[in-house]
Amino acid sequence: MTPTAPDTAPILIVDDMEENLVALEAVLSSLTSKVVRARSGEEALKAMLREEFAVVLIDVLMPGMNGFETAANIKGLDQTKDVPIILLTGASVDPNYAYRGYTVGAADFLIKPFDPWLLRTKVNVFLDLYRKNHQLASQADQLKRLLTGPSSTEAPTAPTEPRGFHPHHPEPSPPSSATPDAGPEPPADAARLSDIASRLAQIELLLRDTRDAESTGLADRIAALEESVERLMAGRGA
């Protein structure tokens, strides 16, 4: 699966009828620059294995692999199991369709004809979540590099020469036993700590925007880490 830039946030629409695909694309095109079509469940699975999607909309009543089977197959693959699914179906449907849709892992279920504004609103929720998840992953990766990367204040090790007499390089005097004052914290280290604290704050805000229990718990842990960094900065006079 090819990762997609978060600002693109592509949508996959799946329906065996061309007129339905055209109508869906017209409704959703204002939300993103990329809407991909699939005419069957099999075609949808192939598209999802090639490319990353923010959300997929699937018509329930399709020949061959129907919408429920397509959704179940999407949720059964490690590469695509986390992609949210919205199932779409006509007005004269079995009352159990909605329940069946949720049991196969669909995030939402809409009955045609649906209000275009309502559809855009529901889809836009998943697009925002997709963008925030990408932004959070990027921030976490940058923070990891900051925490694990080499310190910019480390001085390069000077090459050593064998000790001994040399007419132009007299023997150096032995080092003094007095320990020099360490002095204040190097400015580069203070800036690095400040940068880490700032990135932690950004990650915490993104997690709290997600508003689920797991993200809130992680945000609390990030906040505790922020406090530790701030105490370290205060102790070093940063």
C-alpha atoms as a PDB file:
ATOM      1  CA  MET A   1       0.000   0.000   0.000  1.00  0.00           C
ATOM      2  CA  THR A   2       1.385   3.395  -0.972  1.00  0.00           C
ATOM      3  CA  PRO A   3       1.138   6.055   1.775  1.00  0.00           C
ATOM      4  CA  THR A   4      -0.695   9.194   0.669  1.00  0.00           C
ATOM      5  CA  ALA A   5       0.027  12.787   1.617  1.00  0.00           C
ATOM      6  CA  PRO A   6      -2.356  13.844   4.424  1.00  0.00           C
ATOM      7  CA  ASP A   7      -3.519  16.974   2.581  1.00  0.00           C
ATOM      8  CA  THR A   8      -4.852  14.762  -0.241  1.00  0.00           C
ATOM      9  CA  ALA A   9      -6.950  12.470   2.023  1.00  0.00           C
ATOM     10  CA  PRO A  10      -8.288  10.255  -0.813  1.00  0.00           C
ATOM     11  CA  ILE A  11     -11.759   8.677  -0.750  1.00  0.00           C
ATOM     12  CA  LEU A  12     -12.721   5.345  -2.346  1.00  0.00           C
ATOM     13  CA  ILE A  13     -16.303   4.983  -3.628  1.00  0.00           C
ATOM     14  CA  VAL A  14     -17.592   1.510  -4.560  1.00  0.00           C
ATOM     15  CA  ASP A  15     -20.749   0.913  -6.611  1.00  0.00           C
ATOM     16  CA  ASP A  16     -21.591  -1.262  -9.616  1.00  0.00           C
ATOM     17  CA  MET A  17     -23.683   1.500 -11.226  1.00  0.00           C
ATOM     18  CA  GLU A  18     -21.873   4.297 -13.065  1.00  0.00           C
ATOM     19  CA  GLU A  19     -24.582   6.910 -12.378  1.00  0.00           C
ATOM     20  CA  ASN A  20     -24.240   6.318  -8.618  1.00  0.00           C
ATOM     21  CA  LEU A  21     -20.465   6.753  -8.818  1.00  0.00           C
ATOM     22  CA  VAL A  22     -20.886  10.013 -10.750  1.00  0.00           C
ATOM     23  CA  ALA A  23     -23.367  11.334  -8.162  1.00  0.00           C
ATOM     24  CA  LEU A  24     -21.120  10.387  -5.225  1.00  0.00           C
ATOM     25  CA  GLU A  25     -18.080  11.931  -6.854  1.00  0.00           C
ATOM     26  CA  ALA A  26     -19.986  15.179  -7.452  1.00  0.00           C
ATOM     27  CA  VAL A  27     -21.052  15.351  -3.795  1.00  0.00           C
ATOM     28  CA  LEU A  28     -17.594  14.554  -2.380  1.00  0.00           C
ATOM     29  CA  SER A  29     -15.259  16.337  -4.796  1.00  0.00           C
ATOM     30  CA  SER A  30     -15.380  19.566  -2.755  1.00  0.00           C
ATOM     31  CA  LEU A  31     -13.857  17.760   0.247  1.00  0.00           C
ATOM     32  CA  THR A  32     -10.710  16.376  -1.352  1.00  0.00           C
ATOM     33  CA  SER A  33      -8.701  16.495  -4.553  1.00  0.00           C
ATOM     34  CA  LYS A  34      -8.851  12.726  -5.057  1.00  0.00           C
ATOM     35  CA  VAL A  35     -11.917  10.472  -5.276  1.00  0.00           C
ATOM     36  CA  VAL A  36     -11.193   6.964  -6.610  1.00  0.00           C
ATOM     37  CA  ARG A  37     -13.911   4.762  -8.167  1.00  0.00           C
ATOM     38  CA  ALA A  38     -14.361   0.989  -7.989  1.00  0.00           C
ATOM     39  CA  ARG A  39     -17.119  -0.950  -9.792  1.00  0.00           C
ATOM     40  CA  SER A  40     -17.000  -4.097  -7.616  1.00  0.00           C
ATOM     41  CA  GLY A  41     -15.825  -5.446  -4.281  1.00  0.00           C
ATOM     42  CA  GLU A  42     -12.877  -7.176  -5.931  1.00  0.00           C
ATOM     43  CA  GLU A  43     -11.815  -3.957  -7.649  1.00  0.00           C
ATOM     44  CA  ALA A  44     -12.135  -2.078  -4.340  1.00  0.00           C
ATOM     45  CA  LEU A  45      -9.845  -4.526  -2.524  1.00  0.00           C
ATOM     46  CA  LYS A  46      -7.206  -4.222  -5.239  1.00  0.00           C
ATOM     47  CA  ALA A  47      -7.355  -0.422  -5.048  1.00  0.00           C
ATOM     48  CA  MET A  48      -6.979  -0.473  -1.254  1.00  0.00           C
ATOM     49  CA  LEU A  49      -3.938  -2.735  -1.427  1.00  0.00           C
ATOM     50  CA  ARG A  50      -2.305  -0.324  -3.891  1.00  0.00           C
ATOM     51  CA  GLU A  51      -3.114   2.933  -2.123  1.00  0.00           C
ATOM     52  CA  GLU A  52      -4.008   4.344   1.301  1.00  0.00           C
ATOM     53  CA  PHE A  53      -7.513   5.800   1.711  1.00  0.00           C
ATOM     54  CA  ALA A  54      -8.996   8.026   4.411  1.00  0.00           C
ATOM     55  CA  VAL A  55     -12.481   6.474   4.101  1.00  0.00           C
ATOM     56  CA  VAL A  56     -14.348   4.095   1.784  1.00  0.00           C
ATOM     57  CA  LEU A  57     -18.041   4.284   0.798  1.00  0.00           C
ATOM     58  CA  ILE A  58     -19.568   0.985  -0.357  1.00  0.00           C
ATOM     59  CA  ASP A  59     -22.953   0.227  -1.888  1.00  0.00           C
ATOM     60  CA  VAL A  60     -24.515  -2.799  -0.177  1.00  0.00           C
ATOM     61  CA  LEU A  61     -26.396  -4.266  -3.162  1.00  0.00           C
ATOM     62  CA  MET A  62     -23.744  -5.244  -5.704  1.00  0.00           C
ATOM     63  CA  PRO A  63     -23.538  -8.402  -7.829  1.00  0.00           C
ATOM     64  CA  GLY A  64     -20.831 -10.894  -6.926  1.00  0.00           C
ATOM     65  CA  MET A  65     -19.157  -9.675  -3.732  1.00  0.00           C
ATOM     66  CA  ASN A  66     -21.787  -7.498  -2.051  1.00  0.00           C
ATOM     67  CA  GLY A  67     -21.113  -4.546   0.258  1.00  0.00           C
ATOM     68  CA  PHE A  68     -21.160  -6.603   3.478  1.00  0.00           C
ATOM     69  CA  GLU A  69     -18.676  -9.122   2.078  1.00  0.00           C
ATOM     70  CA  THR A  70     -16.455  -6.326   0.750  1.00  0.00           C
ATOM     71  CA  ALA A  71     -16.445  -4.617   4.147  1.00  0.00           C
ATOM     72  CA  ALA A  72     -15.664  -7.885   5.925  1.00  0.00           C
ATOM     73  CA  ASN A  73     -12.730  -8.545   3.569  1.00  0.00           C
ATOM     74  CA  ILE A  74     -11.379  -5.022   4.092  1.00  0.00           C
ATOM     75  CA  LYS A  75     -11.519  -5.461   7.878  1.00  0.00           C
ATOM     76  CA  GLY A  76      -9.881  -8.866   7.572  1.00  0.00           C
ATOM     77  CA  LEU A  77      -6.656  -7.529   6.035  1.00  0.00           C
ATOM     78  CA  ASP A  78      -3.907  -6.038   8.215  1.00  0.00           C
ATOM     79  CA  GLN A  79      -3.141  -3.363   5.598  1.00  0.00           C
ATOM     80  CA  THR A  80      -6.734  -2.080   5.446  1.00  0.00           C
ATOM     81  CA  LYS A  81      -8.442  -3.061   8.722  1.00  0.00           C
ATOM     82  CA  ASP A  82      -8.260   0.462  10.187  1.00  0.00           C
ATOM     83  CA  VAL A  83      -9.837   2.256   7.204  1.00  0.00           C
ATOM     84  CA  PRO A  84     -13.341   3.514   8.166  1.00  0.00           C
ATOM     85  CA  ILE A  85     -16.232   2.219   6.048  1.00  0.00           C
ATOM     86  CA  ILE A  86     -19.597   3.853   5.299  1.00  0.00           C
ATOM     87  CA  LEU A  87     -22.201   1.488   3.817  1.00  0.00           C
ATOM     88  CA  LEU A  88     -24.861   2.858   1.440  1.00  0.00           C
ATOM     89  CA  THR A  89     -28.135   1.222   0.444  1.00  0.00           C
ATOM     90  CA  GLY A  90     -31.560   1.956  -1.042  1.00  0.00           C
ATOM     91  CA  ALA A  91     -34.705   2.935   0.856  1.00  0.00           C
ATOM     92  CA  SER A  92     -36.447  -0.470   0.645  1.00  0.00           C
ATOM     93  CA  VAL A  93     -33.963  -2.415   2.747  1.00  0.00           C
ATOM     94  CA  ASP A  94     -34.090  -5.196   5.276  1.00  0.00           C
ATOM     95  CA  PRO A  95     -34.357  -3.707   8.810  1.00  0.00           C
ATOM     96  CA  ASN A  96     -31.419  -5.885   9.832  1.00  0.00           C
ATOM     97  CA  TYR A  97     -29.088  -4.335   7.246  1.00  0.00           C
ATOM     98  CA  ALA A  98     -27.826  -1.634   9.593  1.00  0.00           C
ATOM     99  CA  TYR A  99     -27.075  -4.163  12.339  1.00  0.00           C
ATOM    100  CA  ARG A 100     -25.350  -6.457   9.847  1.00  0.00           C
ATOM    101  CA  GLY A 101     -23.284  -3.531   8.567  1.00  0.00           C
ATOM    102  CA  TYR A 102     -21.988  -2.677  12.030  1.00  0.00           C
ATOM    103  CA  THR A 103     -21.168  -6.318  12.774  1.00  0.00           C
ATOM    104  CA  VAL A 104     -18.830  -6.493   9.759  1.00  0.00           C
ATOM    105  CA  GLY A 105     -17.000  -3.389  10.978  1.00  0.00           C
ATOM    106  CA  ALA A 106     -18.698  -0.486   9.187  1.00  0.00           C
ATOM    107  CA  ALA A 107     -18.414   2.879  10.936  1.00  0.00           C
ATOM    108  CA  ASP A 108     -21.697   4.238   9.556  1.00  0.00           C
ATOM    109  CA  PHE A 109     -24.737   3.274   7.482  1.00  0.00           C
ATOM    110  CA  LEU A 110     -26.711   5.617   5.189  1.00  0.00           C
ATOM    111  CA  ILE A 111     -29.948   5.006   3.302  1.00  0.00           C
ATOM    112  CA  LYS A 112     -30.481   6.459  -0.184  1.00  0.00           C
ATOM    113  CA  PRO A 113     -31.557   9.001  -1.143  1.00  0.00           C
ATOM    114  CA  PHE A 114     -29.364  10.789   1.395  1.00  0.00           C
ATOM    115  CA  ASP A 115     -28.885  14.478   2.022  1.00  0.00           C
ATOM    116  CA  PRO A 116     -25.636  15.568   0.274  1.00  0.00           C
ATOM    117  CA  TRP A 117     -24.804  17.894   3.186  1.00  0.00           C
ATOM    118  CA  LEU A 118     -25.213  15.030   5.678  1.00  0.00           C
ATOM    119  CA  LEU A 119     -22.991  12.735   3.614  1.00  0.00           C
ATOM    120  CA  ARG A 120     -20.269  15.399   3.301  1.00  0.00           C
ATOM    121  CA  THR A 121     -20.439  16.081   7.035  1.00  0.00           C
ATOM    122  CA  LYS A 122     -19.999  12.412   7.934  1.00  0.00           C
ATOM    123  CA  VAL A 123     -17.189  11.887   5.432  1.00  0.00           C
ATOM    124  CA  ASN A 124     -15.423  15.058   6.549  1.00  0.00           C
ATOM    125  CA  VAL A 125     -15.161  13.684  10.105  1.00  0.00           C
ATOM    126  CA  PHE A 126     -13.077  10.781   8.796  1.00  0.00           C
ATOM    127  CA  LEU A 127     -10.989  13.052   6.573  1.00  0.00           C
ATOM    128  CA  ASP A 128     -10.104  15.240   9.581  1.00  0.00           C
ATOM    129  CA  LEU A 129      -9.217  12.155  11.617  1.00  0.00           C
ATOM    130  CA  TYR A 130      -7.006  10.881   8.786  1.00  0.00           C
ATOM    131  CA  ARG A 131      -5.134  14.203   8.587  1.00  0.00           C
ATOM    132  CA  LYS A 132      -4.701  14.426  12.370  1.00  0.00           C
ATOM    133  CA  ASN A 133      -3.380  10.866  12.563  1.00  0.00           C
ATOM    134  CA  HIS A 134      -0.804  11.647   9.866  1.00  0.00           C
ATOM    135  CA  GLN A 135       0.177  14.874  11.622  1.00  0.00           C
ATOM    136  CA  LEU A 136       0.497  13.039  14.938  1.00  0.00           C
ATOM    137  CA  ALA A 137       2.653  10.317  13.378  1.00  0.00           C
ATOM    138  CA  SER A 138       4.885  12.970  11.811  1.00  0.00           C
ATOM    139  CA  GLN A 139       5.260  14.830  15.119  1.00  0.00           C
ATOM    140  CA  ALA A 140       6.037  11.592  16.962  1.00  0.00           C
ATOM    141  CA  ASP A 141       8.679  10.679  14.381  1.00  0.00           C
ATOM    142  CA  GLN A 142      10.324  14.104  14.682  1.00  0.00           C
ATOM    143  CA  LEU A 143      10.279  13.860  18.480  1.00  0.00           C
ATOM    144  CA  LYS A 144      11.837  10.400  18.338  1.00  0.00           C
ATOM    145  CA  ARG A 145      14.662  11.751  16.170  1.00  0.00           C
ATOM    146  CA  LEU A 146      15.205  14.613  18.621  1.00  0.00           C
ATOM    147  CA  LEU A 147      15.332  12.275  21.621  1.00  0.00           C
ATOM    148  CA  THR A 148      17.513   9.603  20.040  1.00  0.00           C
ATOM    149  CA  GLY A 149      19.720  11.712  17.740  1.00  0.00           C
ATOM    150  CA  PRO A 150      23.271  12.678  18.686  1.00  0.00           C
ATOM    151  CA  SER A 151      23.704  15.881  20.692  1.00  0.00           C
ATOM    152  CA  SER A 152      24.682  18.817  18.551  1.00  0.00           C
ATOM    153  CA  THR A 153      27.016  20.054  21.332  1.00  0.00           C
ATOM    154  CA  GLU A 154      29.344  17.069  21.274  1.00  0.00           C
ATOM    155  CA  ALA A 155      32.809  18.180  20.230  1.00  0.00           C
ATOM    156  CA  PRO A 156      34.624  16.061  17.666  1.00  0.00           C
ATOM    157  CA  THR A 157      37.393  13.904  19.021  1.00  0.00           C
ATOM    158  CA  ALA A 158      40.784  15.254  18.054  1.00  0.00           C
ATOM    159  CA  PRO A 159      43.248  12.770  16.554  1.00  0.00           C
ATOM    160  CA  THR A 160      45.950  11.672  18.966  1.00  0.00           C
ATOM    161  CA  GLU A 161      49.636  11.336  18.288  1.00  0.00           C
ATOM    162  CA  PRO A 162      52.030   8.939  20.010  1.00  0.00           C
ATOM    163  CA  ARG A 163      53.666  10.558  22.968  1.00  0.00           C
ATOM    164  CA  GLY A 164      57.387  11.089  22.729  1.00  0.00           C
ATOM    165  CA  PHE A 165      60.063  13.602  21.978  1.00  0.00           C
ATOM    166  CA  HIS A 166      59.721  15.671  18.844  1.00  0.00           C
ATOM    167  CA  PRO A 167      61.898  18.720  18.121  1.00  0.00           C
ATOM    168  CA  HIS A 168      58.971  20.850  17.023  1.00  0.00           C
ATOM    169  CA  HIS A 169      56.328  19.461  19.418  1.00  0.00           C
ATOM    170  CA  PRO A 170      57.590  19.365  22.989  1.00  0.00           C
ATOM    171  CA  GLU A 171      56.087  16.936  25.486  1.00  0.00           C
ATOM    172  CA  PRO A 172      52.836  18.424  26.862  1.00  0.00           C
ATOM    173  CA  SER A 173      52.629  19.230  30.539  1.00  0.00           C
ATOM    174  CA  PRO A 174      50.589  16.822  32.671  1.00  0.00           C
ATOM    175  CA  PRO A 175      47.006  17.962  33.266  1.00  0.00           C
ATOM    176  CA  SER A 176      46.279  19.953  36.380  1.00  0.00           C
ATOM    177  CA  SER A 177      44.509  18.120  39.176  1.00  0.00           C
ATOM    178  CA  ALA A 178      42.139  21.085  39.611  1.00  0.00           C
ATOM    179  CA  THR A 179      38.688  20.533  38.102  1.00  0.00           C
ATOM    180  CA  PRO A 180      37.479  23.519  36.054  1.00  0.00           C
ATOM    181  CA  ASP A 181      34.027  24.948  36.632  1.00  0.00           C
ATOM    182  CA  ALA A 182      31.511  23.249  34.317  1.00  0.00           C
ATOM    183  CA  GLY A 183      29.861  26.598  33.608  1.00  0.00           C
ATOM    184  CA  PRO A 184      26.284  27.176  32.454  1.00  0.00           C
ATOM    185  CA  GLU A 185      24.303  24.809  30.265  1.00  0.00           C
ATOM    186  CA  PRO A 186      25.340  25.168  26.571  1.00  0.00           C
ATOM    187  CA  PRO A 187      22.775  27.271  24.652  1.00  0.00           C
ATOM    188  CA  ALA A 188      22.296  24.515  22.041  1.00  0.00           C
ATOM    189  CA  ASP A 189      21.159  22.027  24.711  1.00  0.00           C
ATOM    190  CA  ALA A 190      18.710  24.553  26.160  1.00  0.00           C
ATOM    191  CA  ALA A 191      17.250  25.190  22.698  1.00  0.00           C
ATOM    192  CA  ARG A 192      16.977  21.453  22.085  1.00  0.00           C
ATOM    193  CA  LEU A 193      15.040  20.927  25.326  1.00  0.00           C
ATOM    194  CA  SER A 194      12.746  23.829  24.474  1.00  0.00           C
ATOM    195  CA  ASP A 195      12.092  22.327  21.027  1.00  0.00           C
ATOM    196  CA  ILE A 196      11.252  18.942  22.578  1.00  0.00           C
ATOM    197  CA  ALA A 197       8.836  20.585  25.051  1.00  0.00           C
ATOM    198  CA  SER A 198       7.124  22.452  22.192  1.00  0.00           C
ATOM    199  CA  ARG A 199       6.695  19.284  20.109  1.00  0.00           C
ATOM    200  CA  LEU A 200       5.319  17.384  23.113  1.00  0.00           C
ATOM    201  CA  ALA A 201       2.720  20.129  23.596  1.00  0.00           C
ATOM    202  CA  GLN A 202       1.671  19.871  19.928  1.00  0.00           C
ATOM    203  CA  ILE A 203       1.325  16.083  20.156  1.00  0.00           C
ATOM    204  CA  GLU A 204      -0.739  16.400  23.342  1.00  0.00           C
ATOM    205  CA  LEU A 205      -3.162  18.815  21.630  1.00  0.00           C
ATOM    206  CA  LEU A 206      -3.577  16.487  18.647  1.00  0.00           C
ATOM    207  CA  LEU A 207      -4.300  13.535  20.941  1.00  0.00           C
ATOM    208  CA  ARG A 208      -6.879  15.470  22.949  1.00  0.00           C
ATOM    209  CA  ASP A 209      -8.622  16.545  19.721  1.00  0.00           C
ATOM    210  CA  THR A 210      -9.169  12.865  18.862  1.00  0.00           C
ATOM    211  CA  ARG A 211     -11.355  12.517  21.987  1.00  0.00           C
ATOM    212  CA  ASP A 212     -11.249   8.796  22.624  1.00  0.00           C
ATOM    213  CA  ALA A 213     -10.202   7.057  25.839  1.00  0.00           C
ATOM    214  CA  GLU A 214      -6.959   5.616  24.480  1.00  0.00           C
ATOM    215  CA  SER A 215      -5.817   8.960  23.043  1.00  0.00           C
ATOM    216  CA  THR A 216      -6.750  10.803  26.249  1.00  0.00           C
ATOM    217  CA  GLY A 217      -4.681   8.392  28.324  1.00  0.00           C
ATOM    218  CA  LEU A 218      -1.727   8.844  25.981  1.00  0.00           C
ATOM    219  CA  ALA A 219      -2.191  12.633  26.115  1.00  0.00           C
ATOM    220  CA  ASP A 220      -1.970  12.491  29.925  1.00  0.00           C
ATOM    221  CA  ARG A 221       1.310  10.582  29.674  1.00  0.00           C
ATOM    222  CA  ILE A 222       2.636  13.138  27.162  1.00  0.00           C
ATOM    223  CA  ALA A 223       1.624  15.952  29.568  1.00  0.00           C
ATOM    224  CA  ALA A 224       3.597  14.272  32.377  1.00  0.00           C
ATOM    225  CA  LEU A 225       6.595  14.028  30.065  1.00  0.00           C
ATOM    226  CA  GLU A 226       6.200  17.739  29.233  1.00  0.00           C
ATOM    227  CA  GLU A 227       6.364  18.562  32.951  1.00  0.00           C
ATOM    228  CA  SER A 228       9.517  16.477  33.335  1.00  0.00           C
ATOM    229  CA  VAL A 229      11.192  18.307  30.459  1.00  0.00           C
ATOM    230  CA  GLU A 230      10.137  21.681  31.896  1.00  0.00           C
ATOM    231  CA  ARG A 231      11.573  20.745  35.304  1.00  0.00           C
ATOM    232  CA  LEU A 232      14.794  19.692  33.623  1.00  0.00           C
ATOM    233  CA  MET A 233      14.929  23.027  31.784  1.00  0.00           C
ATOM    234  CA  ALA A 234      14.293  24.951  35.030  1.00  0.00           C
ATOM    235  CA  GLY A 235      16.978  22.961  36.859  1.00  0.00           C
ATOM    236  CA  ARG A 236      19.508  23.748  34.151  1.00  0.00           C
ATOM    237  CA  GLY A 237      18.528  27.385  33.911  1.00  0.00           C
ATOM    238  CA  ALA A 238      17.125  26.948  30.398  1.00  0.00           C
END
